[in-house]
Amino acid sequence: MGKIGYGYGSEWQLLRYLGYHRDFLNNQILLITGGDRIAWLDFGFTLTNKPLKQDKEWIGLDFIEDPVVQGQWHAFWPQSGTAQNWDAVGALDIQGRQEWLLVEANAHLGEVKSTCGARNPNSLDKIKSLSLSYG
């Protein structure tokens, strides 16, 4: 969780909608995804992030307790280095099945662009092969 500006920034706007305009946000997401219901996960707390009042974002897929899913995730994505942090995570019900909505708030396309910071050669190879497969 980075430093949130009061009244500006993509993460602040997302948290504003989650806090003050949740029904509107949910209705828009359900309209776009064809979902039936969405339940947002609350964040945890940490003592290491004092400027943010001990808030802690979800990291990687640590919100999923299913060992089968965790095993598949570990086989799919490199587990060394820093995992993804999510600005919001929602459990989305679509036609009787649960899907996960992983949100990283970005205000413009420049924020979406990134360079891969992986250093482990095996991790880099895995990430590159995934980007070729899904890219």
N, C-alpha and C. Protein backbone atom coordinates (compact mmCIF):
# COMPACT_ATOMS: atom_id res chain seq x y z
N MET A 1 0.85 -1.16 0.00
CA MET A 1 0.00 0.00 0.00
C MET A 1 0.89 1.22 0.00
N GLY A 2 0.76 2.04 -1.03
CA GLY A 2 1.55 3.25 -1.12
C GLY A 2 0.94 4.37 -0.30
N LYS A 3 1.50 5.53 -0.46
CA LYS A 3 0.99 6.70 0.26
C LYS A 3 -0.24 7.21 -0.48
N ILE A 4 -1.35 7.32 0.22
CA ILE A 4 -2.60 7.76 -0.38
C ILE A 4 -2.74 9.26 -0.17
N GLY A 5 -2.99 9.98 -1.26
CA GLY A 5 -3.24 11.41 -1.15
C GLY A 5 -4.69 11.66 -0.76
N TYR A 6 -4.91 12.62 0.10
CA TYR A 6 -6.28 12.94 0.51
C TYR A 6 -6.96 13.72 -0.60
N GLY A 7 -7.97 13.13 -1.20
CA GLY A 7 -8.76 13.82 -2.21
C GLY A 7 -8.27 13.64 -3.64
N TYR A 8 -7.20 12.91 -3.85
CA TYR A 8 -6.72 12.71 -5.22
C TYR A 8 -6.05 11.34 -5.34
N GLY A 9 -5.86 10.94 -6.56
CA GLY A 9 -5.17 9.69 -6.84
C GLY A 9 -6.14 8.54 -7.06
N SER A 10 -5.71 7.60 -7.88
CA SER A 10 -6.58 6.49 -8.27
C SER A 10 -6.97 5.61 -7.09
N GLU A 11 -6.04 5.33 -6.19
CA GLU A 11 -6.37 4.48 -5.05
C GLU A 11 -7.34 5.19 -4.11
N TRP A 12 -7.15 6.49 -3.90
CA TRP A 12 -8.05 7.25 -3.04
C TRP A 12 -9.46 7.23 -3.64
N GLN A 13 -9.56 7.41 -4.96
CA GLN A 13 -10.88 7.41 -5.60
C GLN A 13 -11.55 6.04 -5.47
N LEU A 14 -10.78 4.97 -5.64
CA LEU A 14 -11.34 3.63 -5.47
C LEU A 14 -11.87 3.46 -4.05
N LEU A 15 -11.07 3.82 -3.07
CA LEU A 15 -11.50 3.68 -1.67
C LEU A 15 -12.71 4.57 -1.37
N ARG A 16 -12.78 5.74 -2.00
CA ARG A 16 -13.95 6.61 -1.83
C ARG A 16 -15.20 5.92 -2.35
N TYR A 17 -15.10 5.30 -3.53
CA TYR A 17 -16.26 4.59 -4.08
C TYR A 17 -16.64 3.38 -3.23
N LEU A 18 -15.63 2.67 -2.73
CA LEU A 18 -15.93 1.52 -1.87
C LEU A 18 -16.59 1.95 -0.56
N GLY A 19 -16.22 3.13 -0.07
CA GLY A 19 -16.76 3.60 1.19
C GLY A 19 -18.06 4.37 1.08
N TYR A 20 -18.19 5.22 0.07
CA TYR A 20 -19.33 6.12 -0.02
C TYR A 20 -20.31 5.80 -1.14
N HIS A 21 -19.85 5.10 -2.16
CA HIS A 21 -20.69 4.84 -3.34
C HIS A 21 -20.64 3.37 -3.75
N ARG A 22 -20.64 2.50 -2.75
CA ARG A 22 -20.45 1.07 -3.00
C ARG A 22 -21.54 0.49 -3.88
N ASP A 23 -22.80 0.84 -3.66
CA ASP A 23 -23.88 0.29 -4.48
C ASP A 23 -23.70 0.68 -5.94
N PHE A 24 -23.35 1.94 -6.21
CA PHE A 24 -23.11 2.37 -7.59
C PHE A 24 -21.97 1.58 -8.21
N LEU A 25 -20.84 1.48 -7.49
CA LEU A 25 -19.69 0.73 -7.99
C LEU A 25 -20.05 -0.72 -8.24
N ASN A 26 -20.73 -1.34 -7.28
CA ASN A 26 -21.13 -2.74 -7.44
C ASN A 26 -22.03 -2.93 -8.65
N ASN A 27 -23.01 -2.05 -8.82
CA ASN A 27 -23.93 -2.17 -9.96
C ASN A 27 -23.19 -2.05 -11.29
N GLN A 28 -22.22 -1.16 -11.38
CA GLN A 28 -21.44 -1.02 -12.61
C GLN A 28 -20.61 -2.28 -12.88
N ILE A 29 -19.98 -2.81 -11.84
CA ILE A 29 -19.18 -4.03 -12.00
C ILE A 29 -20.06 -5.21 -12.40
N LEU A 30 -21.21 -5.36 -11.76
CA LEU A 30 -22.11 -6.46 -12.08
C LEU A 30 -22.65 -6.33 -13.50
N LEU A 31 -22.91 -5.13 -13.94
CA LEU A 31 -23.37 -4.89 -15.30
C LEU A 31 -22.32 -5.31 -16.32
N ILE A 32 -21.08 -4.95 -16.06
CA ILE A 32 -19.98 -5.25 -17.00
C ILE A 32 -19.62 -6.73 -16.99
N THR A 33 -19.62 -7.36 -15.82
CA THR A 33 -19.17 -8.75 -15.71
C THR A 33 -20.28 -9.77 -15.89
N GLY A 34 -21.54 -9.33 -15.79
CA GLY A 34 -22.65 -10.28 -15.83
C GLY A 34 -22.80 -11.01 -14.51
N GLY A 35 -22.18 -10.48 -13.47
CA GLY A 35 -22.25 -11.11 -12.15
C GLY A 35 -23.59 -10.90 -11.48
N ASP A 36 -23.84 -11.71 -10.46
CA ASP A 36 -25.09 -11.64 -9.70
C ASP A 36 -24.90 -10.91 -8.37
N ARG A 37 -23.70 -11.00 -7.81
CA ARG A 37 -23.43 -10.42 -6.49
C ARG A 37 -21.94 -10.26 -6.31
N ILE A 38 -21.56 -9.24 -5.55
CA ILE A 38 -20.14 -9.05 -5.22
C ILE A 38 -20.01 -8.74 -3.73
N ALA A 39 -19.02 -9.36 -3.10
CA ALA A 39 -18.71 -9.10 -1.70
C ALA A 39 -17.24 -8.73 -1.62
N TRP A 40 -16.96 -7.54 -1.11
CA TRP A 40 -15.58 -7.05 -1.00
C TRP A 40 -14.94 -7.57 0.28
N LEU A 41 -13.68 -7.95 0.18
CA LEU A 41 -12.94 -8.40 1.36
C LEU A 41 -12.38 -7.18 2.09
N ASP A 42 -12.47 -7.20 3.40
CA ASP A 42 -11.84 -6.16 4.20
C ASP A 42 -10.34 -6.39 4.23
N PHE A 43 -9.60 -5.31 4.39
CA PHE A 43 -8.16 -5.40 4.53
C PHE A 43 -7.79 -5.83 5.94
N GLY A 44 -6.59 -6.36 6.07
CA GLY A 44 -6.06 -6.68 7.38
C GLY A 44 -5.32 -5.49 7.96
N PHE A 45 -4.60 -5.74 9.04
CA PHE A 45 -3.83 -4.70 9.71
C PHE A 45 -2.38 -5.14 9.83
N THR A 46 -1.48 -4.18 9.91
CA THR A 46 -0.08 -4.46 10.12
C THR A 46 0.51 -3.35 10.98
N LEU A 47 1.54 -3.67 11.72
CA LEU A 47 2.21 -2.65 12.52
C LEU A 47 3.37 -2.01 11.77
N THR A 48 3.65 -2.47 10.55
CA THR A 48 4.80 -1.97 9.80
C THR A 48 4.46 -0.81 8.88
N ASN A 49 3.21 -0.44 8.77
CA ASN A 49 2.78 0.57 7.80
C ASN A 49 2.12 1.74 8.53
N LYS A 50 2.79 2.30 9.51
CA LYS A 50 2.19 3.28 10.42
C LYS A 50 1.59 4.51 9.74
N PRO A 51 2.18 5.07 8.68
CA PRO A 51 1.54 6.26 8.09
C PRO A 51 0.12 5.99 7.57
N LEU A 52 -0.19 4.75 7.28
CA LEU A 52 -1.51 4.41 6.74
C LEU A 52 -2.41 3.80 7.80
N LYS A 53 -2.17 4.13 9.03
CA LYS A 53 -3.01 3.69 10.14
C LYS A 53 -3.13 2.17 10.22
N GLN A 54 -2.02 1.52 9.91
CA GLN A 54 -1.91 0.06 10.05
C GLN A 54 -2.73 -0.73 9.03
N ASP A 55 -3.15 -0.11 7.92
CA ASP A 55 -3.87 -0.85 6.88
C ASP A 55 -2.90 -1.73 6.11
N LYS A 56 -3.40 -2.86 5.62
CA LYS A 56 -2.56 -3.82 4.90
C LYS A 56 -3.33 -4.34 3.69
N GLU A 57 -2.77 -4.12 2.49
CA GLU A 57 -3.40 -4.64 1.27
C GLU A 57 -3.27 -6.16 1.21
N TRP A 58 -4.13 -6.75 0.41
CA TRP A 58 -4.00 -8.17 0.10
C TRP A 58 -2.80 -8.34 -0.82
N ILE A 59 -2.03 -9.40 -0.60
CA ILE A 59 -0.82 -9.66 -1.37
C ILE A 59 -0.96 -11.00 -2.07
N GLY A 60 -0.62 -11.01 -3.35
CA GLY A 60 -0.70 -12.25 -4.13
C GLY A 60 -2.10 -12.83 -4.07
N LEU A 61 -2.19 -14.09 -3.71
CA LEU A 61 -3.49 -14.75 -3.54
C LEU A 61 -3.65 -15.24 -2.11
N ASP A 62 -3.10 -14.48 -1.15
CA ASP A 62 -3.15 -14.94 0.24
C ASP A 62 -4.55 -14.92 0.84
N PHE A 63 -5.53 -14.42 0.13
CA PHE A 63 -6.92 -14.42 0.60
C PHE A 63 -7.63 -15.72 0.26
N ILE A 64 -7.02 -16.56 -0.54
CA ILE A 64 -7.61 -17.85 -0.93
C ILE A 64 -7.01 -18.94 -0.06
N GLU A 65 -7.86 -19.64 0.68
CA GLU A 65 -7.37 -20.67 1.60
C GLU A 65 -7.34 -22.06 0.99
N ASP A 66 -7.95 -22.25 -0.15
CA ASP A 66 -8.02 -23.56 -0.80
C ASP A 66 -6.62 -24.03 -1.20
N PRO A 67 -6.13 -25.15 -0.63
CA PRO A 67 -4.77 -25.60 -0.94
C PRO A 67 -4.59 -26.01 -2.41
N VAL A 68 -5.65 -26.46 -3.06
CA VAL A 68 -5.55 -26.81 -4.48
C VAL A 68 -5.29 -25.55 -5.31
N VAL A 69 -6.05 -24.49 -5.04
CA VAL A 69 -5.85 -23.23 -5.75
C VAL A 69 -4.47 -22.67 -5.47
N GLN A 70 -4.04 -22.72 -4.20
CA GLN A 70 -2.70 -22.24 -3.85
C GLN A 70 -1.62 -23.03 -4.59
N GLY A 71 -1.79 -24.33 -4.68
CA GLY A 71 -0.82 -25.16 -5.40
C GLY A 71 -0.77 -24.80 -6.88
N GLN A 72 -1.93 -24.58 -7.49
CA GLN A 72 -1.98 -24.19 -8.90
C GLN A 72 -1.33 -22.82 -9.10
N TRP A 73 -1.59 -21.90 -8.16
CA TRP A 73 -1.00 -20.56 -8.25
C TRP A 73 0.52 -20.65 -8.15
N HIS A 74 1.02 -21.46 -7.23
CA HIS A 74 2.47 -21.60 -7.05
C HIS A 74 3.11 -22.21 -8.29
N ALA A 75 2.41 -23.10 -8.97
CA ALA A 75 2.94 -23.69 -10.20
C ALA A 75 2.87 -22.70 -11.36
N PHE A 76 1.87 -21.83 -11.35
CA PHE A 76 1.64 -20.90 -12.46
C PHE A 76 2.54 -19.68 -12.40
N TRP A 77 2.70 -19.07 -11.20
CA TRP A 77 3.39 -17.79 -11.08
C TRP A 77 4.62 -17.93 -10.17
N PRO A 78 5.74 -17.30 -10.54
CA PRO A 78 6.94 -17.37 -9.69
C PRO A 78 6.64 -16.90 -8.27
N GLN A 79 7.22 -17.58 -7.29
CA GLN A 79 6.95 -17.27 -5.89
C GLN A 79 8.11 -16.54 -5.21
N SER A 80 9.15 -16.23 -5.96
CA SER A 80 10.26 -15.46 -5.38
C SER A 80 10.00 -13.98 -5.63
N GLY A 81 10.68 -13.13 -4.89
CA GLY A 81 10.53 -11.69 -5.07
C GLY A 81 9.27 -11.16 -4.41
N THR A 82 8.76 -10.06 -4.93
CA THR A 82 7.61 -9.38 -4.35
C THR A 82 6.35 -9.75 -5.12
N ALA A 83 5.34 -10.17 -4.39
CA ALA A 83 4.06 -10.53 -5.02
C ALA A 83 3.24 -9.28 -5.29
N GLN A 84 2.21 -9.44 -6.10
CA GLN A 84 1.29 -8.34 -6.41
C GLN A 84 0.56 -7.89 -5.15
N ASN A 85 0.34 -6.60 -5.05
CA ASN A 85 -0.51 -6.03 -4.00
C ASN A 85 -1.80 -5.56 -4.67
N TRP A 86 -2.93 -5.79 -4.03
CA TRP A 86 -4.22 -5.43 -4.61
C TRP A 86 -4.85 -4.30 -3.82
N ASP A 87 -5.37 -3.30 -4.53
CA ASP A 87 -6.05 -2.18 -3.89
C ASP A 87 -7.44 -2.58 -3.41
N ALA A 88 -8.01 -3.61 -3.99
CA ALA A 88 -9.29 -4.16 -3.54
C ALA A 88 -9.41 -5.58 -4.08
N VAL A 89 -10.10 -6.43 -3.32
CA VAL A 89 -10.39 -7.80 -3.75
C VAL A 89 -11.86 -8.07 -3.47
N GLY A 90 -12.55 -8.56 -4.50
CA GLY A 90 -13.97 -8.88 -4.35
C GLY A 90 -14.25 -10.30 -4.77
N ALA A 91 -15.17 -10.95 -4.06
CA ALA A 91 -15.67 -12.28 -4.44
C ALA A 91 -16.91 -12.03 -5.28
N LEU A 92 -16.86 -12.47 -6.52
CA LEU A 92 -17.91 -12.19 -7.50
C LEU A 92 -18.65 -13.49 -7.81
N ASP A 93 -19.96 -13.49 -7.62
CA ASP A 93 -20.79 -14.65 -7.99
C ASP A 93 -21.33 -14.43 -9.39
N ILE A 94 -20.99 -15.37 -10.29
CA ILE A 94 -21.47 -15.31 -11.67
C ILE A 94 -22.08 -16.65 -12.01
N GLN A 95 -23.40 -16.67 -12.19
CA GLN A 95 -24.14 -17.88 -12.58
C GLN A 95 -23.76 -19.08 -11.72
N GLY A 96 -23.75 -18.89 -10.40
CA GLY A 96 -23.54 -19.99 -9.48
C GLY A 96 -22.09 -20.36 -9.21
N ARG A 97 -21.15 -19.68 -9.79
CA ARG A 97 -19.74 -19.97 -9.49
C ARG A 97 -19.07 -18.72 -8.95
N GLN A 98 -18.05 -18.89 -8.14
CA GLN A 98 -17.34 -17.76 -7.56
C GLN A 98 -16.10 -17.43 -8.38
N GLU A 99 -15.94 -16.18 -8.68
CA GLU A 99 -14.76 -15.65 -9.36
C GLU A 99 -14.16 -14.59 -8.45
N TRP A 100 -12.89 -14.30 -8.62
CA TRP A 100 -12.23 -13.26 -7.84
C TRP A 100 -12.01 -12.04 -8.70
N LEU A 101 -12.33 -10.89 -8.16
CA LEU A 101 -12.10 -9.61 -8.81
C LEU A 101 -10.91 -8.96 -8.11
N LEU A 102 -9.78 -8.88 -8.80
CA LEU A 102 -8.56 -8.32 -8.25
C LEU A 102 -8.38 -6.93 -8.83
N VAL A 103 -8.33 -5.91 -7.98
CA VAL A 103 -8.33 -4.53 -8.44
C VAL A 103 -7.02 -3.85 -8.08
N GLU A 104 -6.38 -3.29 -9.08
CA GLU A 104 -5.24 -2.40 -8.91
C GLU A 104 -5.66 -1.08 -9.54
N ALA A 105 -5.86 -0.07 -8.72
CA ALA A 105 -6.37 1.22 -9.21
C ALA A 105 -5.28 1.96 -9.97
N ASN A 106 -5.60 2.34 -11.20
CA ASN A 106 -4.69 3.13 -12.02
C ASN A 106 -5.51 4.21 -12.72
N ALA A 107 -4.98 5.42 -12.73
CA ALA A 107 -5.72 6.56 -13.27
C ALA A 107 -5.54 6.72 -14.78
N HIS A 108 -4.42 6.27 -15.30
CA HIS A 108 -4.16 6.45 -16.74
C HIS A 108 -3.25 5.32 -17.22
N LEU A 109 -3.14 5.18 -18.54
CA LEU A 109 -2.39 4.07 -19.12
C LEU A 109 -0.92 4.06 -18.71
N GLY A 110 -0.35 5.22 -18.45
CA GLY A 110 1.04 5.28 -18.01
C GLY A 110 1.30 4.52 -16.73
N GLU A 111 0.28 4.44 -15.86
CA GLU A 111 0.43 3.70 -14.62
C GLU A 111 0.37 2.19 -14.84
N VAL A 112 -0.21 1.76 -15.93
CA VAL A 112 -0.34 0.34 -16.22
C VAL A 112 0.99 -0.22 -16.74
N LYS A 113 1.72 0.59 -17.47
CA LYS A 113 3.00 0.15 -18.02
C LYS A 113 3.99 -0.07 -16.89
N SER A 114 4.73 -1.15 -16.99
CA SER A 114 5.77 -1.42 -15.99
C SER A 114 6.85 -2.27 -16.62
N THR A 115 7.99 -2.26 -15.98
CA THR A 115 9.04 -3.16 -16.39
C THR A 115 9.09 -4.28 -15.37
N CYS A 116 9.40 -5.44 -15.83
CA CYS A 116 9.45 -6.59 -14.93
C CYS A 116 10.65 -6.44 -14.01
N GLY A 117 10.40 -6.53 -12.72
CA GLY A 117 11.48 -6.40 -11.75
C GLY A 117 12.05 -7.72 -11.28
N ALA A 118 11.60 -8.82 -11.90
CA ALA A 118 12.09 -10.14 -11.49
C ALA A 118 13.58 -10.26 -11.78
N ARG A 119 14.31 -10.83 -10.83
CA ARG A 119 15.76 -11.01 -10.98
C ARG A 119 16.14 -12.48 -11.18
N ASN A 120 15.36 -13.37 -10.64
CA ASN A 120 15.65 -14.79 -10.75
C ASN A 120 15.43 -15.21 -12.22
N PRO A 121 16.46 -15.79 -12.85
CA PRO A 121 16.32 -16.18 -14.27
C PRO A 121 15.15 -17.13 -14.53
N ASN A 122 14.90 -18.06 -13.61
CA ASN A 122 13.76 -18.97 -13.79
C ASN A 122 12.44 -18.22 -13.73
N SER A 123 12.34 -17.25 -12.82
CA SER A 123 11.12 -16.45 -12.73
C SER A 123 10.93 -15.61 -13.99
N LEU A 124 12.00 -15.00 -14.47
CA LEU A 124 11.91 -14.21 -15.70
C LEU A 124 11.44 -15.05 -16.87
N ASP A 125 12.00 -16.24 -17.01
CA ASP A 125 11.59 -17.13 -18.10
C ASP A 125 10.11 -17.47 -18.00
N LYS A 126 9.64 -17.77 -16.78
CA LYS A 126 8.24 -18.12 -16.59
C LYS A 126 7.32 -16.94 -16.93
N ILE A 127 7.69 -15.75 -16.47
CA ILE A 127 6.88 -14.56 -16.74
C ILE A 127 6.85 -14.26 -18.23
N LYS A 128 8.00 -14.35 -18.88
CA LYS A 128 8.05 -14.10 -20.33
C LYS A 128 7.21 -15.10 -21.10
N SER A 129 7.25 -16.37 -20.71
CA SER A 129 6.45 -17.37 -21.41
C SER A 129 4.96 -17.12 -21.20
N LEU A 130 4.58 -16.64 -20.00
CA LEU A 130 3.18 -16.32 -19.75
C LEU A 130 2.74 -15.13 -20.58
N SER A 131 3.58 -14.11 -20.68
CA SER A 131 3.19 -12.93 -21.44
C SER A 131 3.06 -13.27 -22.92
N LEU A 132 3.85 -14.21 -23.41
CA LEU A 132 3.70 -14.64 -24.80
C LEU A 132 2.43 -15.46 -24.99
N SER A 133 2.09 -16.26 -23.97
CA SER A 133 0.89 -17.10 -24.06
C SER A 133 -0.39 -16.29 -23.96
N TYR A 134 -0.40 -15.27 -23.10
CA TYR A 134 -1.62 -14.51 -22.83
C TYR A 134 -1.60 -13.13 -23.46
N GLY A 135 -0.42 -12.68 -23.94
CA GLY A 135 -0.24 -11.32 -24.38
C GLY A 135 -0.88 -10.96 -25.64
